Amino acid sequence: MNFLINISENTLRHIYEKHEDLVKILRVRDVEELKEVILDVLQDPDEIYEDKYKNYVKYYLKKINALWINVVLVHNTVKTAYLISSKSYRKFKEKRWR
Protein backbone atom coordinates (compact mmCIF):
# COMPACT_ATOMS: atom_id res chain seq x y z
CA MET A 1 0.00 0.00 0.00
CA ASN A 2 1.77 3.13 -1.21
CA PHE A 3 -0.85 5.76 -0.54
CA LEU A 4 -2.44 7.58 2.37
CA ILE A 5 -5.56 5.98 3.83
CA ASN A 6 -8.20 7.91 5.76
CA ILE A 7 -10.28 6.23 8.47
CA SER A 8 -12.61 8.49 10.40
CA GLU A 9 -13.58 7.89 14.01
CA ASN A 10 -17.24 7.87 12.89
CA THR A 11 -16.52 5.07 10.40
CA LEU A 12 -14.67 3.04 13.02
CA ARG A 13 -17.54 3.48 15.50
CA HIS A 14 -20.06 2.51 12.80
CA ILE A 15 -18.15 -0.69 11.99
CA TYR A 16 -17.65 -1.50 15.68
CA GLU A 17 -21.32 -0.96 16.57
CA LYS A 18 -23.11 -2.19 13.43
CA HIS A 19 -20.96 -5.12 12.31
CA GLU A 20 -20.95 -7.13 15.53
CA ASP A 21 -20.20 -10.38 13.70
CA LEU A 22 -16.85 -8.96 12.56
CA VAL A 23 -16.04 -7.66 16.04
CA LYS A 24 -16.93 -11.00 17.70
CA ILE A 25 -15.10 -13.26 15.26
CA LEU A 26 -11.96 -11.15 15.42
CA ARG A 27 -12.28 -10.74 19.21
CA VAL A 28 -11.77 -7.00 18.85
CA ARG A 29 -12.10 -5.27 22.22
CA ASP A 30 -12.27 -1.63 21.15
CA VAL A 31 -12.17 0.81 18.24
CA GLU A 32 -8.35 1.07 18.34
CA GLU A 33 -7.98 -2.70 17.90
CA LEU A 34 -10.48 -2.55 15.06
CA LYS A 35 -8.40 0.15 13.38
CA GLU A 36 -5.32 -2.10 13.64
CA VAL A 37 -7.21 -4.99 12.01
CA ILE A 38 -8.42 -2.77 9.16
CA LEU A 39 -4.92 -1.41 8.58
CA ASP A 40 -3.56 -4.96 8.55
CA VAL A 41 -6.08 -5.97 5.88
CA LEU A 42 -5.13 -2.91 3.83
CA GLN A 43 -1.39 -3.55 4.19
CA ASP A 44 -1.51 -7.30 3.60
CA PRO A 45 -4.73 -8.28 1.78
CA ASP A 46 -5.24 -11.71 0.27
CA GLU A 47 -7.05 -10.13 -2.67
CA ILE A 48 -7.86 -6.65 -4.01
CA TYR A 49 -10.65 -5.80 -6.44
CA GLU A 50 -11.94 -2.69 -8.14
CA ASP A 51 -15.64 -2.01 -8.51
CA LYS A 52 -16.90 -2.76 -12.04
CA TYR A 53 -19.05 0.37 -12.09
CA LYS A 54 -17.12 2.86 -9.94
CA ASN A 55 -13.36 2.57 -10.50
CA TYR A 56 -12.64 4.75 -7.44
CA VAL A 57 -14.11 2.04 -5.15
CA LYS A 58 -11.74 -0.73 -4.03
CA TYR A 59 -12.32 -3.89 -2.04
CA TYR A 60 -9.53 -5.29 0.14
CA LEU A 61 -10.15 -8.83 1.30
CA LYS A 62 -8.56 -11.08 3.89
CA LYS A 63 -9.67 -14.68 4.37
CA ILE A 64 -10.50 -15.80 7.90
CA ASN A 65 -11.42 -19.51 7.93
CA ALA A 66 -14.54 -19.80 5.72
CA LEU A 67 -15.26 -16.05 5.83
CA TRP A 68 -13.73 -12.94 4.28
CA ILE A 69 -13.10 -9.54 5.85
CA ASN A 70 -14.10 -6.98 3.21
CA VAL A 71 -12.72 -3.45 3.68
CA VAL A 72 -14.28 -0.97 1.27
CA LEU A 73 -12.33 2.11 0.17
CA VAL A 74 -13.81 5.05 -1.72
CA HIS A 75 -11.17 7.51 -2.94
CA ASN A 76 -8.67 6.07 -0.40
CA THR A 77 -11.11 6.54 2.49
CA VAL A 78 -12.37 3.54 4.43
CA LYS A 79 -16.16 3.59 4.18
CA THR A 80 -16.94 0.29 5.89
CA ALA A 81 -15.69 -3.17 6.72
CA TYR A 82 -17.70 -6.33 7.18
CA LEU A 83 -17.63 -10.10 6.89
CA ILE A 84 -18.83 -11.94 3.82
CA SER A 85 -19.42 -15.63 3.32
CA SER A 86 -17.86 -17.69 0.54
CA LYS A 87 -21.22 -17.59 -1.23
CA SER A 88 -21.34 -13.78 -1.12
CA TYR A 89 -17.70 -13.68 -2.18
CA ARG A 90 -18.52 -15.69 -5.32
CA LYS A 91 -21.49 -13.42 -6.13
CA PHE A 92 -19.45 -10.23 -5.69
CA LYS A 93 -16.60 -11.66 -7.74
CA GLU A 94 -18.98 -12.58 -10.55
CA LYS A 95 -21.15 -9.47 -10.58
CA ARG A 96 -19.40 -6.54 -8.88
CA TRP A 97 -15.61 -6.85 -8.80
CA ARG A 98 -12.94 -6.83 -11.47
C-alpha atoms as a PDB file:
ATOM      1  CA  MET A   1       0.000   0.000   0.000  1.00  0.00           C
ATOM      2  CA  ASN A   2       1.768   3.128  -1.211  1.00  0.00           C
ATOM      3  CA  PHE A   3      -0.849   5.763  -0.535  1.00  0.00           C
ATOM      4  CA  LEU A   4      -2.445   7.580   2.372  1.00  0.00           C
ATOM      5  CA  ILE A   5      -5.564   5.980   3.830  1.00  0.00           C
ATOM      6  CA  ASN A   6      -8.204   7.910   5.759  1.00  0.00           C
ATOM      7  CA  ILE A   7     -10.276   6.231   8.468  1.00  0.00           C
ATOM      8  CA  SER A   8     -12.613   8.495  10.402  1.00  0.00           C
ATOM      9  CA  GLU A   9     -13.585   7.890  14.006  1.00  0.00           C
ATOM     10  CA  ASN A  10     -17.236   7.865  12.886  1.00  0.00           C
ATOM     11  CA  THR A  11     -16.521   5.065  10.403  1.00  0.00           C
ATOM     12  CA  LEU A  12     -14.666   3.043  13.021  1.00  0.00           C
ATOM     13  CA  ARG A  13     -17.539   3.481  15.495  1.00  0.00           C
ATOM     14  CA  HIS A  14     -20.060   2.509  12.796  1.00  0.00           C
ATOM     15  CA  ILE A  15     -18.152  -0.690  11.994  1.00  0.00           C
ATOM     16  CA  TYR A  16     -17.652  -1.495  15.683  1.00  0.00           C
ATOM     17  CA  GLU A  17     -21.316  -0.959  16.567  1.00  0.00           C
ATOM     18  CA  LYS A  18     -23.115  -2.189  13.432  1.00  0.00           C
ATOM     19  CA  HIS A  19     -20.956  -5.123  12.314  1.00  0.00           C
ATOM     20  CA  GLU A  20     -20.947  -7.129  15.528  1.00  0.00           C
ATOM     21  CA  ASP A  21     -20.197 -10.379  13.704  1.00  0.00           C
ATOM     22  CA  LEU A  22     -16.848  -8.957  12.564  1.00  0.00           C
ATOM     23  CA  VAL A  23     -16.040  -7.661  16.039  1.00  0.00           C
ATOM     24  CA  LYS A  24     -16.934 -11.001  17.698  1.00  0.00           C
ATOM     25  CA  ILE A  25     -15.101 -13.261  15.257  1.00  0.00           C
ATOM     26  CA  LEU A  26     -11.957 -11.151  15.421  1.00  0.00           C
ATOM     27  CA  ARG A  27     -12.281 -10.739  19.211  1.00  0.00           C
ATOM     28  CA  VAL A  28     -11.768  -7.002  18.852  1.00  0.00           C
ATOM     29  CA  ARG A  29     -12.099  -5.268  22.217  1.00  0.00           C
ATOM     30  CA  ASP A  30     -12.274  -1.629  21.145  1.00  0.00           C
ATOM     31  CA  VAL A  31     -12.172   0.812  18.241  1.00  0.00           C
ATOM     32  CA  GLU A  32      -8.353   1.073  18.338  1.00  0.00           C
ATOM     33  CA  GLU A  33      -7.984  -2.698  17.899  1.00  0.00           C
ATOM     34  CA  LEU A  34     -10.483  -2.553  15.060  1.00  0.00           C
ATOM     35  CA  LYS A  35      -8.403   0.153  13.377  1.00  0.00           C
ATOM     36  CA  GLU A  36      -5.320  -2.099  13.642  1.00  0.00           C
ATOM     37  CA  VAL A  37      -7.215  -4.986  12.012  1.00  0.00           C
ATOM     38  CA  ILE A  38      -8.423  -2.770   9.165  1.00  0.00           C
ATOM     39  CA  LEU A  39      -4.916  -1.411   8.584  1.00  0.00           C
ATOM     40  CA  ASP A  40      -3.563  -4.964   8.555  1.00  0.00           C
ATOM     41  CA  VAL A  41      -6.078  -5.974   5.881  1.00  0.00           C
ATOM     42  CA  LEU A  42      -5.132  -2.914   3.827  1.00  0.00           C
ATOM     43  CA  GLN A  43      -1.388  -3.550   4.188  1.00  0.00           C
ATOM     44  CA  ASP A  44      -1.507  -7.296   3.599  1.00  0.00           C
ATOM     45  CA  PRO A  45      -4.727  -8.284   1.778  1.00  0.00           C
ATOM     46  CA  ASP A  46      -5.236 -11.708   0.271  1.00  0.00           C
ATOM     47  CA  GLU A  47      -7.052 -10.132  -2.666  1.00  0.00           C
ATOM     48  CA  ILE A  48      -7.864  -6.648  -4.009  1.00  0.00           C
ATOM     49  CA  TYR A  49     -10.651  -5.796  -6.435  1.00  0.00           C
ATOM     50  CA  GLU A  50     -11.935  -2.694  -8.140  1.00  0.00           C
ATOM     51  CA  ASP A  51     -15.638  -2.012  -8.506  1.00  0.00           C
ATOM     52  CA  LYS A  52     -16.896  -2.760 -12.038  1.00  0.00           C
ATOM     53  CA  TYR A  53     -19.051   0.375 -12.085  1.00  0.00           C
ATOM     54  CA  LYS A  54     -17.116   2.864  -9.944  1.00  0.00           C
ATOM     55  CA  ASN A  55     -13.361   2.566 -10.497  1.00  0.00           C
ATOM     56  CA  TYR A  56     -12.640   4.752  -7.445  1.00  0.00           C
ATOM     57  CA  VAL A  57     -14.107   2.042  -5.151  1.00  0.00           C
ATOM     58  CA  LYS A  58     -11.738  -0.728  -4.035  1.00  0.00           C
ATOM     59  CA  TYR A  59     -12.321  -3.892  -2.037  1.00  0.00           C
ATOM     60  CA  TYR A  60      -9.531  -5.288   0.144  1.00  0.00           C
ATOM     61  CA  LEU A  61     -10.151  -8.834   1.301  1.00  0.00           C
ATOM     62  CA  LYS A  62      -8.557 -11.082   3.888  1.00  0.00           C
ATOM     63  CA  LYS A  63      -9.668 -14.683   4.373  1.00  0.00           C
ATOM     64  CA  ILE A  64     -10.501 -15.799   7.902  1.00  0.00           C
ATOM     65  CA  ASN A  65     -11.419 -19.508   7.929  1.00  0.00           C
ATOM     66  CA  ALA A  66     -14.543 -19.797   5.715  1.00  0.00           C
ATOM     67  CA  LEU A  67     -15.259 -16.046   5.828  1.00  0.00           C
ATOM     68  CA  TRP A  68     -13.728 -12.943   4.279  1.00  0.00           C
ATOM     69  CA  ILE A  69     -13.104  -9.540   5.846  1.00  0.00           C
ATOM     70  CA  ASN A  70     -14.098  -6.982   3.209  1.00  0.00           C
ATOM     71  CA  VAL A  71     -12.718  -3.454   3.681  1.00  0.00           C
ATOM     72  CA  VAL A  72     -14.285  -0.970   1.267  1.00  0.00           C
ATOM     73  CA  LEU A  73     -12.325   2.105   0.174  1.00  0.00           C
ATOM     74  CA  VAL A  74     -13.811   5.052  -1.718  1.00  0.00           C
ATOM     75  CA  HIS A  75     -11.174   7.512  -2.943  1.00  0.00           C
ATOM     76  CA  ASN A  76      -8.669   6.068  -0.403  1.00  0.00           C
ATOM     77  CA  THR A  77     -11.106   6.541   2.487  1.00  0.00           C
ATOM     78  CA  VAL A  78     -12.369   3.536   4.434  1.00  0.00           C
ATOM     79  CA  LYS A  79     -16.159   3.593   4.179  1.00  0.00           C
ATOM     80  CA  THR A  80     -16.940   0.295   5.890  1.00  0.00           C
ATOM     81  CA  ALA A  81     -15.686  -3.171   6.719  1.00  0.00           C
ATOM     82  CA  TYR A  82     -17.703  -6.325   7.180  1.00  0.00           C
ATOM     83  CA  LEU A  83     -17.629 -10.096   6.888  1.00  0.00           C
ATOM     84  CA  ILE A  84     -18.833 -11.937   3.819  1.00  0.00           C
ATOM     85  CA  SER A  85     -19.420 -15.631   3.323  1.00  0.00           C
ATOM     86  CA  SER A  86     -17.862 -17.694   0.544  1.00  0.00           C
ATOM     87  CA  LYS A  87     -21.223 -17.594  -1.230  1.00  0.00           C
ATOM     88  CA  SER A  88     -21.338 -13.776  -1.116  1.00  0.00           C
ATOM     89  CA  TYR A  89     -17.695 -13.677  -2.179  1.00  0.00           C
ATOM     90  CA  ARG A  90     -18.523 -15.691  -5.316  1.00  0.00           C
ATOM     91  CA  LYS A  91     -21.492 -13.425  -6.132  1.00  0.00           C
ATOM     92  CA  PHE A  92     -19.445 -10.231  -5.686  1.00  0.00           C
ATOM     93  CA  LYS A  93     -16.601 -11.661  -7.735  1.00  0.00           C
ATOM     94  CA  GLU A  94     -18.976 -12.584 -10.547  1.00  0.00           C
ATOM     95  CA  LYS A  95     -21.146  -9.467 -10.580  1.00  0.00           C
ATOM     96  CA  ARG A  96     -19.404  -6.540  -8.876  1.00  0.00           C
ATOM     97  CA  TRP A  97     -15.607  -6.852  -8.800  1.00  0.00           C
ATOM     98  CA  ARG A  98     -12.945  -6.833 -11.469  1.00  0.00           C
END
